Amino acid sequence: MTRASVSDKQIVRALLAEDDISDLAVATQLGCGYKRVATVRKRVGLPVYIRGRRPLHGSMQEAFAAQTEPVEGGHLRWTGTREKCGTPVLRWRTLLQTAYRVAFRMQHGREPVGKVSRSCGIPGCVAGPHQEDRRMREARKAGEPPC
């Protein structure tokens, strides 16, 4: 194909055929200039291609679920990355948090107060209902209902 024979429709079709394809990849595929692809992309309202690595998971919850496996008794075993000391950690985009804090936040819908610890006593369990923060521990010790 020559530059003149590549239509805007062909460029749009190529841009829509694959998720997250670069202007250069489309230009190479069709034999036209990448600046023309960028111009067509902008004209039809498609988002600008952003270079760089893409997150493996669309959300922190997806990343958490992908790195856990259920075990007997309603517990969750962490299969993802750990710190040198053994603490399970979740890296999602630019955020690095312990899996315990992420599980707590997902379960209780709020930021934990102080340290998060397991209420079940099973080492490494990251099940949300088994995580408690300082406020919950103090309430339990005082005989109050959990927060």
C-alpha atoms as a PDB file:
ATOM      1  CA  MET A   1       0.000   0.000   0.000  1.00  0.00           C
ATOM      2  CA  THR A   2       1.207   3.479  -0.727  1.00  0.00           C
ATOM      3  CA  ARG A   3       0.636   6.431   1.556  1.00  0.00           C
ATOM      4  CA  ALA A   4      -2.079   7.831  -0.700  1.00  0.00           C
ATOM      5  CA  SER A   5      -3.959   4.548  -0.847  1.00  0.00           C
ATOM      6  CA  VAL A   6      -4.441   4.231   2.933  1.00  0.00           C
ATOM      7  CA  SER A   7      -7.802   5.714   3.850  1.00  0.00           C
ATOM      8  CA  ASP A   8      -8.834   7.194   7.170  1.00  0.00           C
ATOM      9  CA  LYS A   9     -11.375   4.365   7.498  1.00  0.00           C
ATOM     10  CA  GLN A  10      -8.581   1.794   7.239  1.00  0.00           C
ATOM     11  CA  ILE A  11      -6.640   3.605   9.947  1.00  0.00           C
ATOM     12  CA  VAL A  12      -9.684   3.783  12.222  1.00  0.00           C
ATOM     13  CA  ARG A  13     -10.399   0.082  11.626  1.00  0.00           C
ATOM     14  CA  ALA A  14      -6.809  -0.808  12.556  1.00  0.00           C
ATOM     15  CA  LEU A  15      -6.968   1.372  15.685  1.00  0.00           C
ATOM     16  CA  LEU A  16     -10.192  -0.299  16.806  1.00  0.00           C
ATOM     17  CA  ALA A  17      -9.097  -3.843  15.913  1.00  0.00           C
ATOM     18  CA  GLU A  18      -6.729  -4.120  18.872  1.00  0.00           C
ATOM     19  CA  ASP A  19      -6.925  -2.750  22.387  1.00  0.00           C
ATOM     20  CA  ASP A  20      -4.226  -0.240  23.200  1.00  0.00           C
ATOM     21  CA  ILE A  21      -2.337  -0.240  19.889  1.00  0.00           C
ATOM     22  CA  SER A  22       0.271   2.423  19.188  1.00  0.00           C
ATOM     23  CA  ASP A  23       0.206   4.857  16.289  1.00  0.00           C
ATOM     24  CA  LEU A  24       3.557   3.480  15.141  1.00  0.00           C
ATOM     25  CA  ALA A  25       2.234  -0.105  15.112  1.00  0.00           C
ATOM     26  CA  VAL A  26      -0.747   0.929  12.967  1.00  0.00           C
ATOM     27  CA  ALA A  27       1.495   2.981  10.670  1.00  0.00           C
ATOM     28  CA  THR A  28       3.874   0.050  10.210  1.00  0.00           C
ATOM     29  CA  GLN A  29       0.977  -2.332   9.605  1.00  0.00           C
ATOM     30  CA  LEU A  30      -0.614  -0.083   6.970  1.00  0.00           C
ATOM     31  CA  GLY A  31       2.505   1.475   5.488  1.00  0.00           C
ATOM     32  CA  CYS A  32       1.725   5.091   6.304  1.00  0.00           C
ATOM     33  CA  GLY A  33       3.188   7.719   8.633  1.00  0.00           C
ATOM     34  CA  TYR A  34       2.588   7.523  12.369  1.00  0.00           C
ATOM     35  CA  LYS A  35       1.788  11.257  12.492  1.00  0.00           C
ATOM     36  CA  ARG A  36      -1.095  10.653  10.106  1.00  0.00           C
ATOM     37  CA  VAL A  37      -2.373   7.854  12.366  1.00  0.00           C
ATOM     38  CA  ALA A  38      -2.150  10.213  15.367  1.00  0.00           C
ATOM     39  CA  THR A  39      -4.079  12.883  13.432  1.00  0.00           C
ATOM     40  CA  VAL A  40      -6.836  10.415  12.489  1.00  0.00           C
ATOM     41  CA  ARG A  41      -6.962   9.092  16.072  1.00  0.00           C
ATOM     42  CA  LYS A  42      -7.471  12.632  17.367  1.00  0.00           C
ATOM     43  CA  ARG A  43     -10.021  13.543  14.671  1.00  0.00           C
ATOM     44  CA  VAL A  44     -12.292  10.573  15.496  1.00  0.00           C
ATOM     45  CA  GLY A  45     -11.980  11.137  19.263  1.00  0.00           C
ATOM     46  CA  LEU A  46      -9.984   8.061  20.226  1.00  0.00           C
ATOM     47  CA  PRO A  47      -7.761   8.458  23.288  1.00  0.00           C
ATOM     48  CA  VAL A  48      -4.092   9.250  22.760  1.00  0.00           C
ATOM     49  CA  TYR A  49      -1.844   6.209  22.957  1.00  0.00           C
ATOM     50  CA  ILE A  50       0.294   6.310  26.119  1.00  0.00           C
ATOM     51  CA  ARG A  51       3.611   4.522  26.049  1.00  0.00           C
ATOM     52  CA  GLY A  52       4.850   2.342  28.877  1.00  0.00           C
ATOM     53  CA  ARG A  53       3.924  -0.735  30.842  1.00  0.00           C
ATOM     54  CA  ARG A  54       0.274  -1.399  31.561  1.00  0.00           C
ATOM     55  CA  PRO A  55      -1.032  -2.663  34.881  1.00  0.00           C
ATOM     56  CA  LEU A  56      -1.870  -6.353  34.810  1.00  0.00           C
ATOM     57  CA  HIS A  57      -5.111  -5.734  36.670  1.00  0.00           C
ATOM     58  CA  GLY A  58      -7.734  -3.053  36.233  1.00  0.00           C
ATOM     59  CA  SER A  59      -8.288  -2.482  39.947  1.00  0.00           C
ATOM     60  CA  MET A  60      -6.664  -3.150  43.275  1.00  0.00           C
ATOM     61  CA  GLN A  61      -9.459  -5.635  44.057  1.00  0.00           C
ATOM     62  CA  GLU A  62      -8.649  -7.597  40.886  1.00  0.00           C
ATOM     63  CA  ALA A  63      -4.952  -7.604  41.767  1.00  0.00           C
ATOM     64  CA  PHE A  64      -5.765  -8.829  45.296  1.00  0.00           C
ATOM     65  CA  ALA A  65      -8.063 -11.607  44.052  1.00  0.00           C
ATOM     66  CA  ALA A  66      -5.483 -12.772  41.504  1.00  0.00           C
ATOM     67  CA  GLN A  67      -2.897 -13.265  44.262  1.00  0.00           C
ATOM     68  CA  THR A  68      -4.996 -15.218  46.758  1.00  0.00           C
ATOM     69  CA  GLU A  69      -6.431 -18.703  46.994  1.00  0.00           C
ATOM     70  CA  PRO A  70      -9.157 -19.910  49.337  1.00  0.00           C
ATOM     71  CA  VAL A  71      -8.288 -22.535  51.920  1.00  0.00           C
ATOM     72  CA  GLU A  72     -10.380 -24.532  54.357  1.00  0.00           C
ATOM     73  CA  GLY A  73     -12.188 -22.594  57.087  1.00  0.00           C
ATOM     74  CA  GLY A  74     -12.830 -19.415  55.099  1.00  0.00           C
ATOM     75  CA  HIS A  75      -9.186 -18.365  55.119  1.00  0.00           C
ATOM     76  CA  LEU A  76      -7.270 -16.872  52.172  1.00  0.00           C
ATOM     77  CA  ARG A  77      -3.672 -17.804  51.405  1.00  0.00           C
ATOM     78  CA  TRP A  78      -1.500 -15.123  49.817  1.00  0.00           C
ATOM     79  CA  THR A  79       0.239 -16.348  46.657  1.00  0.00           C
ATOM     80  CA  GLY A  80       1.738 -12.997  45.635  1.00  0.00           C
ATOM     81  CA  THR A  81       4.863 -11.062  46.533  1.00  0.00           C
ATOM     82  CA  ARG A  82       6.219 -10.916  50.070  1.00  0.00           C
ATOM     83  CA  GLU A  83       8.673  -8.622  51.789  1.00  0.00           C
ATOM     84  CA  LYS A  84      11.977 -10.096  52.993  1.00  0.00           C
ATOM     85  CA  CYS A  85      10.447 -10.585  56.443  1.00  0.00           C
ATOM     86  CA  GLY A  86       7.551 -12.573  54.916  1.00  0.00           C
ATOM     87  CA  THR A  87       4.778  -9.951  55.044  1.00  0.00           C
ATOM     88  CA  PRO A  88       2.444 -10.292  52.045  1.00  0.00           C
ATOM     89  CA  VAL A  89       2.458  -7.119  49.948  1.00  0.00           C
ATOM     90  CA  LEU A  90       0.332  -5.960  47.061  1.00  0.00           C
ATOM     91  CA  ARG A  91       1.842  -3.775  44.376  1.00  0.00           C
ATOM     92  CA  TRP A  92      -0.720  -2.130  42.127  1.00  0.00           C
ATOM     93  CA  ARG A  93       0.337   0.677  39.812  1.00  0.00           C
ATOM     94  CA  THR A  94       2.469   2.916  42.053  1.00  0.00           C
ATOM     95  CA  LEU A  95       0.954   1.762  45.352  1.00  0.00           C
ATOM     96  CA  LEU A  96       2.628  -0.744  47.659  1.00  0.00           C
ATOM     97  CA  GLN A  97       0.553  -1.882  50.654  1.00  0.00           C
ATOM     98  CA  THR A  98       0.461  -4.911  52.887  1.00  0.00           C
ATOM     99  CA  ALA A  99      -2.158  -7.405  51.762  1.00  0.00           C
ATOM    100  CA  TYR A 100      -3.630  -7.197  55.282  1.00  0.00           C
ATOM    101  CA  ARG A 101      -4.425  -3.479  54.907  1.00  0.00           C
ATOM    102  CA  VAL A 102      -5.891  -3.996  51.443  1.00  0.00           C
ATOM    103  CA  ALA A 103      -8.070  -6.874  52.711  1.00  0.00           C
ATOM    104  CA  PHE A 104      -9.224  -4.744  55.651  1.00  0.00           C
ATOM    105  CA  ARG A 105     -10.123  -1.797  53.408  1.00  0.00           C
ATOM    106  CA  MET A 106     -12.017  -4.027  50.976  1.00  0.00           C
ATOM    107  CA  GLN A 107     -13.943  -5.722  53.800  1.00  0.00           C
ATOM    108  CA  HIS A 108     -14.768  -2.735  56.000  1.00  0.00           C
ATOM    109  CA  GLY A 109     -14.863   0.099  53.468  1.00  0.00           C
ATOM    110  CA  ARG A 110     -12.591   2.368  55.487  1.00  0.00           C
ATOM    111  CA  GLU A 111      -8.928   2.948  56.208  1.00  0.00           C
ATOM    112  CA  PRO A 112      -7.636   0.897  59.129  1.00  0.00           C
ATOM    113  CA  VAL A 113      -6.627   2.694  62.317  1.00  0.00           C
ATOM    114  CA  GLY A 114      -3.163   1.640  63.419  1.00  0.00           C
ATOM    115  CA  LYS A 115      -1.763  -1.804  62.750  1.00  0.00           C
ATOM    116  CA  VAL A 116      -3.898  -4.453  61.029  1.00  0.00           C
ATOM    117  CA  SER A 117      -3.696  -7.905  62.576  1.00  0.00           C
ATOM    118  CA  ARG A 118      -5.400 -11.227  61.990  1.00  0.00           C
ATOM    119  CA  SER A 119      -8.233 -12.164  64.312  1.00  0.00           C
ATOM    120  CA  CYS A 120      -8.166 -15.806  63.215  1.00  0.00           C
ATOM    121  CA  GLY A 121      -4.610 -16.539  64.335  1.00  0.00           C
ATOM    122  CA  ILE A 122      -3.778 -18.385  61.105  1.00  0.00           C
ATOM    123  CA  PRO A 123      -0.350 -17.146  59.943  1.00  0.00           C
ATOM    124  CA  GLY A 124      -0.526 -15.347  56.601  1.00  0.00           C
ATOM    125  CA  CYS A 125      -4.335 -15.365  56.299  1.00  0.00           C
ATOM    126  CA  VAL A 126      -5.458 -12.355  54.257  1.00  0.00           C
ATOM    127  CA  ALA A 127      -9.231 -12.938  54.384  1.00  0.00           C
ATOM    128  CA  GLY A 128     -11.007  -9.608  54.881  1.00  0.00           C
ATOM    129  CA  PRO A 129     -13.312 -10.737  57.712  1.00  0.00           C
ATOM    130  CA  HIS A 130     -10.245 -12.000  59.602  1.00  0.00           C
ATOM    131  CA  GLN A 131      -8.485  -8.599  59.674  1.00  0.00           C
ATOM    132  CA  GLU A 132      -8.932  -6.112  62.481  1.00  0.00           C
ATOM    133  CA  ASP A 133      -7.443  -2.726  63.280  1.00  0.00           C
ATOM    134  CA  ARG A 134      -6.625  -1.074  66.614  1.00  0.00           C
ATOM    135  CA  ARG A 135     -10.121   0.407  66.943  1.00  0.00           C
ATOM    136  CA  MET A 136     -11.723  -3.033  66.559  1.00  0.00           C
ATOM    137  CA  ARG A 137      -9.299  -4.680  69.002  1.00  0.00           C
ATOM    138  CA  GLU A 138      -9.974  -2.001  71.624  1.00  0.00           C
ATOM    139  CA  ALA A 139     -13.738  -2.367  71.161  1.00  0.00           C
ATOM    140  CA  ARG A 140     -13.483  -6.174  71.502  1.00  0.00           C
ATOM    141  CA  LYS A 141     -11.429  -5.858  74.703  1.00  0.00           C
ATOM    142  CA  ALA A 142     -13.981  -3.392  76.122  1.00  0.00           C
ATOM    143  CA  GLY A 143     -16.826  -5.793  75.294  1.00  0.00           C
ATOM    144  CA  GLU A 144     -18.353  -3.395  72.759  1.00  0.00           C
ATOM    145  CA  PRO A 145     -19.748  -4.480  69.384  1.00  0.00           C
ATOM    146  CA  PRO A 146     -17.176  -4.318  66.580  1.00  0.00           C
ATOM    147  CA  CYS A 147     -16.904  -1.082  64.589  1.00  0.00           C
END
